[in-house]
PDB file of N, CA and C in Angstrom:
ATOM      1  N   UNK A   1      20.245   8.855   5.288  1.00  0.00           N
ATOM      2  CA  UNK A   1      20.135  10.180   4.789  1.00  0.00           C
ATOM      3  C   UNK A   1      18.559   9.393   4.280  1.00  0.00           C
ATOM      4  N   UNK A   2      17.260  11.333   4.808  1.00  0.00           N
ATOM      5  CA  UNK A   2      15.875  11.041   3.973  1.00  0.00           C
ATOM      6  C   UNK A   2      15.616  11.176   2.883  1.00  0.00           C
ATOM      7  N   UNK A   3      14.760  11.009   2.343  1.00  0.00           N
ATOM      8  CA  UNK A   3      14.353  11.025   1.389  1.00  0.00           C
ATOM      9  C   UNK A   3      13.404  11.759   1.332  1.00  0.00           C
ATOM     10  N   UNK A   4      13.122  13.088   0.770  1.00  0.00           N
ATOM     11  CA  UNK A   4      12.763  14.259   0.719  1.00  0.00           C
ATOM     12  C   UNK A   4      12.249  14.566   0.023  1.00  0.00           C
ATOM     13  N   UNK A   5      12.356  14.092  -1.462  1.00  0.00           N
ATOM     14  CA  UNK A   5      11.401  14.247  -3.398  1.00  0.00           C
ATOM     15  C   UNK A   5      12.192  12.888  -4.170  1.00  0.00           C
ATOM     16  N   UNK A   6      11.480  13.092  -4.542  1.00  0.00           N
ATOM     17  CA  UNK A   6      11.028  11.617  -5.664  1.00  0.00           C
ATOM     18  C   UNK A   6      11.857  12.351  -7.059  1.00  0.00           C
ATOM     19  N   UNK A   7      11.037  13.742  -6.677  1.00  0.00           N
ATOM     20  CA  UNK A   7      11.447  14.820  -8.807  1.00  0.00           C
ATOM     21  C   UNK A   7      11.235  13.360  -9.485  1.00  0.00           C
ATOM     22  N   UNK A   8       9.507  13.465  -9.707  1.00  0.00           N
ATOM     23  CA  UNK A   8       8.937  12.878 -10.963  1.00  0.00           C
ATOM     24  C   UNK A   8       8.572  11.481 -10.571  1.00  0.00           C
ATOM     25  N   UNK A   9       9.743  10.667 -10.093  1.00  0.00           N
ATOM     26  CA  UNK A   9       9.959   9.030 -10.196  1.00  0.00           C
ATOM     27  C   UNK A   9       9.485   8.438  -9.564  1.00  0.00           C
ATOM     28  N   UNK A  10       8.498   7.416  -9.515  1.00  0.00           N
ATOM     29  CA  UNK A  10       8.201   6.295  -9.086  1.00  0.00           C
ATOM     30  C   UNK A  10       8.260   5.509  -8.671  1.00  0.00           C
ATOM     31  N   UNK A  11       9.232   5.012  -7.408  1.00  0.00           N
ATOM     32  CA  UNK A  11       9.787   3.542  -7.476  1.00  0.00           C
ATOM     33  C   UNK A  11       8.665   2.656  -7.014  1.00  0.00           C
ATOM     34  N   UNK A  12       9.595   1.529  -6.801  1.00  0.00           N
ATOM     35  CA  UNK A  12       8.278  -0.031  -7.438  1.00  0.00           C
ATOM     36  C   UNK A  12       8.724  -0.701  -6.147  1.00  0.00           C
ATOM     37  N   UNK A  13       7.516  -0.415  -5.469  1.00  0.00           N
ATOM     38  CA  UNK A  13       7.683  -1.065  -3.377  1.00  0.00           C
ATOM     39  C   UNK A  13       7.732  -2.391  -3.424  1.00  0.00           C
ATOM     40  N   UNK A  14       9.003  -3.231  -2.739  1.00  0.00           N
ATOM     41  CA  UNK A  14       8.408  -4.789  -2.730  1.00  0.00           C
ATOM     42  C   UNK A  14       8.759  -5.248  -1.193  1.00  0.00           C
ATOM     43  N   UNK A  15       8.293  -6.125  -1.233  1.00  0.00           N
ATOM     44  CA  UNK A  15       7.956  -6.462  -0.169  1.00  0.00           C
ATOM     45  C   UNK A  15       8.796  -8.427   0.556  1.00  0.00           C
ATOM     46  N   UNK A  16       8.771  -8.663   1.896  1.00  0.00           N
ATOM     47  CA  UNK A  16       9.417 -10.818   1.352  1.00  0.00           C
ATOM     48  C   UNK A  16       7.442 -10.511   0.977  1.00  0.00           C
ATOM     49  N   UNK A  17       8.033 -12.094  -0.448  1.00  0.00           N
ATOM     50  CA  UNK A  17       7.424 -13.032  -0.403  1.00  0.00           C
ATOM     51  C   UNK A  17       6.379 -13.450   0.975  1.00  0.00           C
ATOM     52  N   UNK A  18       6.641 -13.627   2.030  1.00  0.00           N
ATOM     53  CA  UNK A  18       5.949 -14.514   3.030  1.00  0.00           C
ATOM     54  C   UNK A  18       5.378 -13.011   4.060  1.00  0.00           C
ATOM     55  N   UNK A  19       5.356 -12.473   3.157  1.00  0.00           N
ATOM     56  CA  UNK A  19       4.648 -10.398   3.738  1.00  0.00           C
ATOM     57  C   UNK A  19       3.306 -10.165   3.106  1.00  0.00           C
ATOM     58  N   UNK A  20       3.628 -10.626   1.585  1.00  0.00           N
ATOM     59  CA  UNK A  20       2.516 -10.491   0.475  1.00  0.00           C
ATOM     60  C   UNK A  20       1.115  -9.533   1.048  1.00  0.00           C
ATOM     61  N   UNK A  21       0.252 -10.497   2.276  1.00  0.00           N
ATOM     62  CA  UNK A  21      -0.707 -10.426   2.565  1.00  0.00           C
ATOM     63  C   UNK A  21      -1.133  -9.345   3.963  1.00  0.00           C
ATOM     64  N   UNK A  22       0.123  -9.038   3.894  1.00  0.00           N
ATOM     65  CA  UNK A  22       0.268  -8.447   6.124  1.00  0.00           C
ATOM     66  C   UNK A  22       0.529  -7.286   5.419  1.00  0.00           C
ATOM     67  N   UNK A  23       0.191  -6.556   6.656  1.00  0.00           N
ATOM     68  CA  UNK A  23       1.135  -4.714   5.957  1.00  0.00           C
ATOM     69  C   UNK A  23       2.101  -4.555   7.700  1.00  0.00           C
ATOM     70  N   UNK A  24       3.094  -5.654   7.732  1.00  0.00           N
ATOM     71  CA  UNK A  24       3.419  -5.748   9.353  1.00  0.00           C
ATOM     72  C   UNK A  24       5.068  -5.809   8.796  1.00  0.00           C
ATOM     73  N   UNK A  25       5.831  -4.948   8.133  1.00  0.00           N
ATOM     74  CA  UNK A  25       6.894  -4.802   7.432  1.00  0.00           C
ATOM     75  C   UNK A  25       7.535  -3.754   6.812  1.00  0.00           C
ATOM     76  N   UNK A  26       8.793  -4.026   6.597  1.00  0.00           N
ATOM     77  CA  UNK A  26       8.879  -2.654   5.490  1.00  0.00           C
ATOM     78  C   UNK A  26       8.971  -3.174   4.608  1.00  0.00           C
ATOM     79  N   UNK A  27       9.238  -2.271   3.513  1.00  0.00           N
ATOM     80  CA  UNK A  27       9.431  -2.844   2.071  1.00  0.00           C
ATOM     81  C   UNK A  27      10.236  -1.526   1.229  1.00  0.00           C
ATOM     82  N   UNK A  28      10.728  -2.121   0.556  1.00  0.00           N
ATOM     83  CA  UNK A  28      12.247  -1.900  -0.169  1.00  0.00           C
ATOM     84  C   UNK A  28      11.656  -1.179  -1.858  1.00  0.00           C
ATOM     85  N   UNK A  29      12.167  -0.613  -2.041  1.00  0.00           N
ATOM     86  CA  UNK A  29      12.711  -0.319  -3.941  1.00  0.00           C
ATOM     87  C   UNK A  29      14.208   0.191  -4.149  1.00  0.00           C
ATOM     88  N   UNK A  30      14.001   0.272  -5.918  1.00  0.00           N
ATOM     89  CA  UNK A  30      15.695   0.740  -6.486  1.00  0.00           C
ATOM     90  C   UNK A  30      15.310   1.955  -6.362  1.00  0.00           C
ATOM     91  N   UNK A  31      16.366   3.100  -6.459  1.00  0.00           N
ATOM     92  CA  UNK A  31      15.738   4.662  -7.127  1.00  0.00           C
ATOM     93  C   UNK A  31      17.630   5.281  -7.839  1.00  0.00           C
ATOM     94  N   UNK A  32      17.472   4.420  -8.877  1.00  0.00           N
ATOM     95  CA  UNK A  32      19.046   5.104  -8.704  1.00  0.00           C
ATOM     96  C   UNK A  32      19.400   4.855  -8.074  1.00  0.00           C
ATOM     97  N   UNK A  33      20.942   5.884  -7.358  1.00  0.00           N
ATOM     98  CA  UNK A  33      22.183   4.898  -6.714  1.00  0.00           C
ATOM     99  C   UNK A  33      21.581   4.706  -5.323  1.00  0.00           C
ATOM    100  N   UNK A  34      20.188   4.415  -4.492  1.00  0.00           N
ATOM    101  CA  UNK A  34      19.925   4.349  -3.514  1.00  0.00           C
ATOM    102  C   UNK A  34      18.689   3.076  -3.551  1.00  0.00           C
ATOM    103  N   UNK A  35      18.773   2.806  -1.838  1.00  0.00           N
ATOM    104  CA  UNK A  35      17.536   1.733  -1.658  1.00  0.00           C
ATOM    105  C   UNK A  35      16.647   2.038  -1.145  1.00  0.00           C
ATOM    106  N   UNK A  36      15.640   2.644  -1.367  1.00  0.00           N
ATOM    107  CA  UNK A  36      14.947   2.828  -0.227  1.00  0.00           C
ATOM    108  C   UNK A  36      14.133   2.047   0.156  1.00  0.00           C
ATOM    109  N   UNK A  37      13.644   3.299   1.958  1.00  0.00           N
ATOM    110  CA  UNK A  37      12.821   1.857   2.465  1.00  0.00           C
ATOM    111  C   UNK A  37      11.662   2.836   3.602  1.00  0.00           C
ATOM    112  N   UNK A  38      10.852   1.799   3.313  1.00  0.00           N
ATOM    113  CA  UNK A  38       9.600   2.747   3.727  1.00  0.00           C
ATOM    114  C   UNK A  38       9.044   1.732   5.022  1.00  0.00           C
ATOM    115  N   UNK A  39       8.151   1.859   5.776  1.00  0.00           N
ATOM    116  CA  UNK A  39       6.968   1.258   7.129  1.00  0.00           C
ATOM    117  C   UNK A  39       6.679   0.648   5.854  1.00  0.00           C
ATOM    118  N   UNK A  40       5.876  -0.398   5.728  1.00  0.00           N
ATOM    119  CA  UNK A  40       4.377  -0.724   4.929  1.00  0.00           C
ATOM    120  C   UNK A  40       3.068   0.028   5.519  1.00  0.00           C
ATOM    121  N   UNK A  41       3.039   0.340   6.681  1.00  0.00           N
ATOM    122  CA  UNK A  41       2.027   0.107   7.421  1.00  0.00           C
ATOM    123  C   UNK A  41       1.396   1.742   7.142  1.00  0.00           C
ATOM    124  N   UNK A  42       2.833   2.153   7.389  1.00  0.00           N
ATOM    125  CA  UNK A  42       2.591   4.586   7.433  1.00  0.00           C
ATOM    126  C   UNK A  42       3.439   4.552   6.503  1.00  0.00           C
ATOM    127  N   UNK A  43       2.633   4.714   4.920  1.00  0.00           N
ATOM    128  CA  UNK A  43       3.789   5.183   3.522  1.00  0.00           C
ATOM    129  C   UNK A  43       3.829   6.575   4.056  1.00  0.00           C
ATOM    130  N   UNK A  44       3.764   7.070   4.985  1.00  0.00           N
ATOM    131  CA  UNK A  44       3.425   8.808   5.123  1.00  0.00           C
ATOM    132  C   UNK A  44       4.400   8.722   6.383  1.00  0.00           C
ATOM    133  N   UNK A  45       5.346   7.549   6.949  1.00  0.00           N
ATOM    134  CA  UNK A  45       6.258   7.695   8.104  1.00  0.00           C
ATOM    135  C   UNK A  45       7.228   8.842   7.091  1.00  0.00           C
ATOM    136  N   UNK A  46       7.357   8.763   6.523  1.00  0.00           N
ATOM    137  CA  UNK A  46       8.797   8.957   5.816  1.00  0.00           C
ATOM    138  C   UNK A  46       9.500   7.518   5.107  1.00  0.00           C
ATOM    139  N   UNK A  47      10.647   7.934   4.273  1.00  0.00           N
ATOM    140  CA  UNK A  47      11.164   7.111   4.075  1.00  0.00           C
ATOM    141  C   UNK A  47      13.201   7.229   3.975  1.00  0.00           C
ATOM    142  N   UNK A  48      13.758   5.459   4.762  1.00  0.00           N
ATOM    143  CA  UNK A  48      14.713   6.069   3.890  1.00  0.00           C
ATOM    144  C   UNK A  48      15.598   5.591   3.132  1.00  0.00           C
ATOM    145  N   UNK A  49      16.726   6.533   2.341  1.00  0.00           N
ATOM    146  CA  UNK A  49      17.306   6.093   1.111  1.00  0.00           C
ATOM    147  C   UNK A  49      19.093   5.592   2.342  1.00  0.00           C
ATOM    148  N   UNK A  50      19.616   4.798   1.655  1.00  0.00           N
ATOM    149  CA  UNK A  50      20.905   4.210   1.302  1.00  0.00           C
ATOM    150  C   UNK A  50      21.584   4.174   0.008  1.00  0.00           C
ATOM    151  N   UNK A  51      22.639   4.057   0.338  1.00  0.00           N
ATOM    152  CA  UNK A  51      23.628   3.605  -1.039  1.00  0.00           C
ATOM    153  C   UNK A  51      23.897   2.569  -0.554  1.00  0.00           C
ATOM    154  N   UNK A  52      25.064   1.638  -1.669  1.00  0.00           N
ATOM    155  CA  UNK A  52      24.896   0.516  -1.148  1.00  0.00           C
ATOM    156  C   UNK A  52      25.351  -0.183  -0.651  1.00  0.00           C
ATOM    157  N   UNK A  53      26.840   0.832  -0.876  1.00  0.00           N
ATOM    158  CA  UNK A  53      26.842  -0.071   0.621  1.00  0.00           C
ATOM    159  C   UNK A  53      26.487   0.493   1.884  1.00  0.00           C
ATOM    160  N   UNK A  54      25.847   0.937   2.251  1.00  0.00           N
ATOM    161  CA  UNK A  54      24.946   1.085   3.925  1.00  0.00           C
ATOM    162  C   UNK A  54      24.048  -0.210   3.805  1.00  0.00           C
ATOM    163  N   UNK A  55      23.328   0.072   1.847  1.00  0.00           N
ATOM    164  CA  UNK A  55      22.870  -1.836   2.017  1.00  0.00           C
ATOM    165  C   UNK A  55      22.888  -2.870   2.019  1.00  0.00           C
ATOM    166  N   UNK A  56      23.725  -2.904   1.774  1.00  0.00           N
ATOM    167  CA  UNK A  56      24.926  -4.594   1.707  1.00  0.00           C
ATOM    168  C   UNK A  56      24.616  -4.779   2.968  1.00  0.00           C
ATOM    169  N   UNK A  57      25.499  -3.618   3.845  1.00  0.00           N
ATOM    170  CA  UNK A  57      26.001  -4.031   5.404  1.00  0.00           C
ATOM    171  C   UNK A  57      24.492  -4.536   5.909  1.00  0.00           C
ATOM    172  N   UNK A  58      23.130  -3.252   5.590  1.00  0.00           N
ATOM    173  CA  UNK A  58      22.473  -3.813   6.668  1.00  0.00           C
ATOM    174  C   UNK A  58      21.743  -5.336   6.292  1.00  0.00           C
ATOM    175  N   UNK A  59      22.017  -5.896   5.200  1.00  0.00           N
ATOM    176  CA  UNK A  59      21.602  -6.735   5.045  1.00  0.00           C
ATOM    177  C   UNK A  59      22.198  -8.267   5.260  1.00  0.00           C
ATOM    178  N   UNK A  60      23.166  -8.227   5.668  1.00  0.00           N
ATOM    179  CA  UNK A  60      24.332  -9.315   6.121  1.00  0.00           C
ATOM    180  C   UNK A  60      24.121  -8.512   7.655  1.00  0.00           C
ATOM    181  N   UNK A  61      23.894  -7.809   8.422  1.00  0.00           N
ATOM    182  CA  UNK A  61      23.321  -7.566   9.501  1.00  0.00           C
ATOM    183  C   UNK A  61      22.337  -8.096   9.985  1.00  0.00           C
ATOM    184  N   UNK A  62      21.253  -8.017   9.817  1.00  0.00           N
ATOM    185  CA  UNK A  62      19.784  -8.818   9.405  1.00  0.00           C
ATOM    186  C   UNK A  62      19.466 -10.753   9.237  1.00  0.00           C
ATOM    187  N   UNK A  63      20.332 -11.142   8.017  1.00  0.00           N
ATOM    188  CA  UNK A  63      21.304 -12.732   7.486  1.00  0.00           C
ATOM    189  C   UNK A  63      22.026 -13.199   8.982  1.00  0.00           C
ATOM    190  N   UNK A  64      22.334 -12.572   9.722  1.00  0.00           N
ATOM    191  CA  UNK A  64      22.850 -13.321  10.879  1.00  0.00           C
ATOM    192  C   UNK A  64      23.240 -12.485  12.382  1.00  0.00           C
ATOM    193  N   UNK A  65      21.989 -12.752  12.243  1.00  0.00           N
ATOM    194  CA  UNK A  65      21.423 -11.736  13.394  1.00  0.00           C
ATOM    195  C   UNK A  65      21.465 -11.085  14.366  1.00  0.00           C
ATOM    196  N   UNK A  66      22.495  -9.658  13.389  1.00  0.00           N
ATOM    197  CA  UNK A  66      23.018  -8.744  14.738  1.00  0.00           C
ATOM    198  C   UNK A  66      22.450  -7.762  15.400  1.00  0.00           C
ATOM    199  N   UNK A  67      21.034  -7.389  14.468  1.00  0.00           N
ATOM    200  CA  UNK A  67      20.088  -6.951  15.140  1.00  0.00           C
ATOM    201  C   UNK A  67      18.556  -7.947  15.694  1.00  0.00           C
ATOM    202  N   UNK A  68      18.400  -9.042  15.884  1.00  0.00           N
ATOM    203  CA  UNK A  68      17.881  -9.169  16.992  1.00  0.00           C
ATOM    204  C   UNK A  68      17.767  -9.237  18.149  1.00  0.00           C
ATOM    205  N   UNK A  69      18.638  -7.970  18.918  1.00  0.00           N
ATOM    206  CA  UNK A  69      18.062  -7.460  19.650  1.00  0.00           C
ATOM    207  C   UNK A  69      18.227  -8.222  21.004  1.00  0.00           C
ATOM    208  N   UNK A  70      19.161  -9.506  20.795  1.00  0.00           N
ATOM    209  CA  UNK A  70      19.451 -10.331  21.445  1.00  0.00           C
ATOM    210  C   UNK A  70      20.975  -9.643  22.872  1.00  0.00           C
TER     211      UNK A  70
END
């Protein structure tokens, strides 16, 4: 799902503590029932909105190396 409008709400964006001084990662924010994801280098590229189940599945896949492209 792509989030097209935040309807006046301002999300608090966060990125990994190891990447705070860099702009080569994604940023995440919670907004209502959604977790928002955006490119830290190109905020105008859009925002991906995931529900909690999809967010948990994504984090699990990342942590278990299933998205490493090997």
